[in-house]
């Protein structure tokens, strides 16, 4: 073998070793993250009958709960049965000149009292497993982090199961990448229409709507929206009302 081929083989071996080391590090981080997420569940003491059944392992699928319309009162039930991701919708606006502040996740409000101004923060959270389960929740507190925790808790308790499919006449895929039929939802003045789209289209909807549909596991969709769409709360609720028709 020539020196050039030997050198090339050595470089290839070094690259393979580096790839193996990176894969090991990634696997360790994933395992650590999984263990950290399961730590609160070990110390969870269920207070409801449904929670006890889930903790004992008698109910292993969240669809059993949702199909039988059982009421969940403990968010740990969702954490035990499925792994969910979360995101915050931008419902607030930071201060700026002439009302030109940036959108943010916290909505701040003030109440006038004898003692002075009482400030409260609101958050709007969405949770989902990207596999047909999604929930929306609103939380309000005197500080930002408690408001987020309340919103996440309520979002897990409000989780629903939706039916996905490929209802577009333009596509021939049998994968559940879109929705099976056109649906419409309304909240306040906001009206949202969700339309099936062929594979590869993407999410043709506003940024806050993308957050909800991504966590629901929908990859391709067309949409139409009417009314005061900048009212993010009503916009998110209208999308959820449309998705509820796919249960």
Protein backbone atom coordinates (compact mmCIF):
# COMPACT_ATOMS: atom_id res chain seq x y z
CA UNK A 1 0.00 0.00 0.00
CA UNK A 2 1.20 3.51 -0.77
CA UNK A 3 1.73 6.17 1.89
CA UNK A 4 -1.22 8.16 0.51
CA UNK A 5 -3.68 5.27 0.92
CA UNK A 6 -2.35 4.51 4.44
CA UNK A 7 -2.77 8.16 5.40
CA UNK A 8 -6.32 8.19 3.98
CA UNK A 9 -7.24 5.05 5.94
CA UNK A 10 -5.91 6.60 9.16
CA UNK A 11 -7.89 9.79 8.62
CA UNK A 12 -11.04 7.76 7.93
CA UNK A 13 -10.50 5.80 11.16
CA UNK A 14 -10.04 9.03 13.14
CA UNK A 15 -13.30 10.42 11.73
CA UNK A 16 -15.16 7.22 12.66
CA UNK A 17 -13.74 7.39 16.20
CA UNK A 18 -14.89 11.02 16.54
CA UNK A 19 -18.38 10.10 15.29
CA UNK A 20 -18.61 7.26 17.84
CA UNK A 21 -17.56 9.60 20.68
CA UNK A 22 -20.16 12.21 19.63
CA UNK A 23 -22.90 9.55 19.45
CA UNK A 24 -22.01 8.32 22.94
CA UNK A 25 -22.15 11.87 24.33
CA UNK A 26 -25.54 12.48 22.69
CA UNK A 27 -26.94 9.19 24.05
CA UNK A 28 -25.71 10.06 27.57
CA UNK A 29 -27.34 13.49 27.41
CA UNK A 30 -30.65 11.99 26.19
CA UNK A 31 -30.60 9.42 29.02
CA UNK A 32 -29.82 12.14 31.61
CA UNK A 33 -32.67 14.28 30.28
CA UNK A 34 -35.06 11.31 30.41
CA UNK A 35 -34.05 10.52 33.99
CA UNK A 36 -34.47 14.15 35.05
CA UNK A 37 -37.94 14.28 33.50
CA UNK A 38 -38.95 11.08 35.32
CA UNK A 39 -37.63 12.15 38.74
CA UNK A 40 -40.83 14.01 39.80
CA UNK A 41 -42.93 10.98 38.77
CA UNK A 42 -41.12 8.72 41.26
CA UNK A 43 -42.21 10.96 44.14
CA UNK A 44 -45.73 11.47 42.72
CA UNK A 45 -48.47 10.37 45.12
CA UNK A 46 -51.75 10.22 43.16
CA UNK A 47 -54.86 11.58 44.86
CA UNK A 48 -57.54 10.54 42.36
CA UNK A 49 -58.77 7.08 41.38
CA UNK A 50 -57.60 7.58 37.80
CA UNK A 51 -54.16 8.67 38.98
CA UNK A 52 -53.82 5.55 41.13
CA UNK A 53 -54.75 3.30 38.19
CA UNK A 54 -52.11 4.98 36.03
CA UNK A 55 -49.44 4.79 38.75
CA UNK A 56 -50.16 1.07 39.29
CA UNK A 57 -49.81 0.43 35.54
CA UNK A 58 -53.42 -0.69 34.98
CA UNK A 59 -53.88 2.07 32.39
CA UNK A 60 -50.96 2.26 29.99
CA UNK A 61 -52.41 4.26 27.10
CA UNK A 62 -53.74 7.81 27.25
CA UNK A 63 -56.22 7.00 24.46
CA UNK A 64 -58.15 4.79 26.94
CA UNK A 65 -58.74 7.87 29.09
CA UNK A 66 -59.62 10.20 26.23
CA UNK A 67 -61.87 7.72 24.37
CA UNK A 68 -63.86 6.98 27.55
CA UNK A 69 -64.02 10.72 28.35
CA UNK A 70 -62.50 10.28 31.80
CA UNK A 71 -61.69 13.53 33.58
CA UNK A 72 -58.02 14.12 34.40
CA UNK A 73 -57.28 16.22 37.48
CA UNK A 74 -53.55 15.51 37.77
CA UNK A 75 -51.02 16.58 35.09
CA UNK A 76 -48.67 13.78 36.15
CA UNK A 77 -51.04 11.35 34.41
CA UNK A 78 -50.06 12.84 31.05
CA UNK A 79 -46.34 12.83 31.95
CA UNK A 80 -46.58 9.17 32.96
CA UNK A 81 -48.30 7.97 29.77
CA UNK A 82 -46.70 10.12 27.02
CA UNK A 83 -43.67 12.37 26.61
CA UNK A 84 -44.83 15.86 25.65
CA UNK A 85 -43.06 18.96 24.37
CA UNK A 86 -44.24 22.45 25.26
CA UNK A 87 -44.14 25.98 23.89
CA UNK A 88 -45.49 29.42 24.84
CA UNK A 89 -47.65 31.54 22.55
CA UNK A 90 -46.78 35.22 22.26
CA UNK A 91 -49.78 36.84 23.96
CA UNK A 92 -48.04 39.93 25.37
CA UNK A 93 -46.15 42.90 24.06
CA UNK A 94 -43.08 44.67 25.47
CA UNK A 95 -43.05 48.44 25.81
CA UNK A 96 -41.91 50.42 22.79
CA UNK A 97 -42.24 53.84 21.25
CA UNK A 98 -45.69 54.53 19.76
CA UNK A 99 -46.83 51.01 20.69
CA UNK A 100 -44.16 49.37 18.55
CA UNK A 101 -42.90 46.89 21.15
CA UNK A 102 -42.01 43.30 20.31
CA UNK A 103 -44.37 40.42 21.00
CA UNK A 104 -43.47 38.33 24.03
CA UNK A 105 -44.75 35.32 25.94
CA UNK A 106 -45.91 37.21 29.05
CA UNK A 107 -48.94 39.47 29.12
CA UNK A 108 -48.69 42.06 31.87
CA UNK A 109 -51.69 43.73 33.47
CA UNK A 110 -52.14 46.11 36.42
CA UNK A 111 -54.87 46.60 38.97
CA UNK A 112 -55.29 49.87 40.86
CA UNK A 113 -55.67 49.48 44.63
CA UNK A 114 -55.25 51.70 47.71
CA UNK A 115 -51.81 50.21 48.28
CA UNK A 116 -50.71 50.95 44.71
CA UNK A 117 -50.49 49.02 41.46
CA UNK A 118 -50.77 45.22 41.62
CA UNK A 119 -49.00 43.66 38.62
CA UNK A 120 -49.97 40.23 37.29
CA UNK A 121 -48.52 38.15 34.48
CA UNK A 122 -50.37 35.80 32.12
CA UNK A 123 -49.04 33.00 29.91
CA UNK A 124 -50.61 30.82 27.22
CA UNK A 125 -48.98 27.39 26.81
CA UNK A 126 -49.41 24.55 24.33
CA UNK A 127 -48.27 20.96 24.90
CA UNK A 128 -48.23 17.96 22.55
CA UNK A 129 -46.46 14.73 21.68
CA UNK A 130 -46.34 15.39 17.89
CA UNK A 131 -48.42 12.25 17.45
CA UNK A 132 -52.04 13.40 17.55
CA UNK A 133 -52.27 14.72 21.14
CA UNK A 134 -52.33 18.46 21.90
CA UNK A 135 -53.56 20.74 24.66
CA UNK A 136 -53.84 24.48 25.36
CA UNK A 137 -53.78 26.19 28.76
CA UNK A 138 -53.89 29.68 30.31
CA UNK A 139 -52.09 30.63 33.52
CA UNK A 140 -52.05 33.81 35.59
CA UNK A 141 -49.86 34.72 38.59
CA UNK A 142 -47.94 37.56 40.24
CA UNK A 143 -44.68 36.36 38.66
CA UNK A 144 -43.72 34.94 35.28
CA UNK A 145 -42.54 31.42 36.21
CA UNK A 146 -45.61 30.49 38.32
CA UNK A 147 -47.80 31.75 35.46
CA UNK A 148 -45.97 29.46 33.03
CA UNK A 149 -46.28 26.47 35.37
CA UNK A 150 -50.02 27.06 35.75
CA UNK A 151 -50.42 27.33 31.98
CA UNK A 152 -48.48 24.08 31.38
CA UNK A 153 -50.50 22.27 34.06
CA UNK A 154 -53.81 23.36 32.53
CA UNK A 155 -52.60 22.54 29.02
CA UNK A 156 -51.84 18.97 30.09
CA UNK A 157 -55.26 18.63 31.71
CA UNK A 158 -56.94 19.99 28.54
CA UNK A 159 -55.12 17.61 26.19
CA UNK A 160 -57.21 16.12 23.36
CA UNK A 161 -56.71 13.45 20.72
CA UNK A 162 -57.12 14.46 17.08
CA UNK A 163 -57.49 12.37 13.94
CA UNK A 164 -54.81 12.96 11.31
CA UNK A 165 -54.84 11.83 7.70
CA UNK A 166 -54.27 12.83 4.10
CA UNK A 167 -57.47 14.49 2.93
CA UNK A 168 -56.05 16.51 0.05
CA UNK A 169 -57.13 15.61 -3.49
CA UNK A 170 -53.77 16.84 -4.80
CA UNK A 171 -51.71 14.22 -2.93
CA UNK A 172 -51.69 10.42 -2.96
CA UNK A 173 -49.86 9.77 0.32
CA UNK A 174 -51.38 7.44 2.92
CA UNK A 175 -49.28 8.84 5.79
CA UNK A 176 -51.07 10.90 8.47
CA UNK A 177 -49.24 14.14 7.61
CA UNK A 178 -52.30 16.44 7.40
CA UNK A 179 -55.97 16.39 8.42
CA UNK A 180 -58.67 14.19 6.81
CA UNK A 181 -61.20 16.96 6.07
CA UNK A 182 -61.74 20.71 6.20
CA UNK A 183 -62.69 22.05 9.66
CA UNK A 184 -63.54 25.47 11.06
CA UNK A 185 -63.21 26.99 14.53
CA UNK A 186 -64.36 30.30 16.02
CA UNK A 187 -63.57 32.24 19.18
CA UNK A 188 -64.60 35.87 19.63
CA UNK A 189 -64.19 37.65 16.32
CA UNK A 190 -61.52 35.22 15.09
CA UNK A 191 -62.53 32.49 12.64
CA UNK A 192 -60.01 29.92 11.38
CA UNK A 193 -60.49 27.39 8.58
CA UNK A 194 -58.04 24.49 8.33
CA UNK A 195 -57.79 22.80 4.91
CA UNK A 196 -55.93 19.53 4.07
CA UNK A 197 -52.76 19.99 2.01
CA UNK A 198 -50.59 17.60 -0.05
CA UNK A 199 -47.33 16.27 1.34
CA UNK A 200 -44.44 18.75 1.20
CA UNK A 201 -46.60 21.88 1.44
CA UNK A 202 -45.67 22.75 5.02
CA UNK A 203 -47.76 24.71 7.52
CA UNK A 204 -49.35 27.63 5.67
CA UNK A 205 -50.56 29.43 8.80
CA UNK A 206 -49.42 32.16 11.22
CA UNK A 207 -46.44 31.63 13.51
CA UNK A 208 -48.56 31.04 16.63
CA UNK A 209 -50.72 28.56 14.72
CA UNK A 210 -47.59 26.69 13.61
CA UNK A 211 -46.63 26.09 17.25
CA UNK A 212 -49.97 24.37 17.94
CA UNK A 213 -50.07 22.29 14.76
CA UNK A 214 -46.43 21.15 15.05
CA UNK A 215 -47.03 19.81 18.56
CA UNK A 216 -50.20 18.12 17.29
CA UNK A 217 -48.13 16.22 14.69
CA UNK A 218 -49.54 17.97 11.60
CA UNK A 219 -46.93 18.68 8.93
CA UNK A 220 -48.89 20.06 5.94
CA UNK A 221 -51.92 22.33 5.96
CA UNK A 222 -53.62 25.29 4.28
CA UNK A 223 -55.53 27.83 6.35
CA UNK A 224 -57.77 30.88 6.15
CA UNK A 225 -58.29 33.25 9.07
CA UNK A 226 -60.68 36.17 9.60
CA UNK A 227 -61.21 38.77 12.33
CA UNK A 228 -58.76 40.27 14.85
CA UNK A 229 -56.02 37.69 14.41
CA UNK A 230 -53.52 39.63 16.52
CA UNK A 231 -55.57 38.65 19.57
CA UNK A 232 -53.42 35.56 20.06
CA UNK A 233 -55.60 33.98 22.74
CA UNK A 234 -58.71 33.94 20.57
CA UNK A 235 -56.61 32.86 17.59
CA UNK A 236 -55.20 29.86 19.50
CA UNK A 237 -58.61 28.93 20.90
CA UNK A 238 -60.17 29.09 17.42
CA UNK A 239 -57.52 26.65 16.11
CA UNK A 240 -58.20 24.29 19.02
CA UNK A 241 -61.96 24.50 18.38
CA UNK A 242 -61.28 23.44 14.77
CA UNK A 243 -59.03 20.56 15.90
CA UNK A 244 -61.67 19.35 18.37
CA UNK A 245 -63.90 18.54 15.40
CA UNK A 246 -61.30 15.92 14.40
CA UNK A 247 -61.64 13.96 17.67
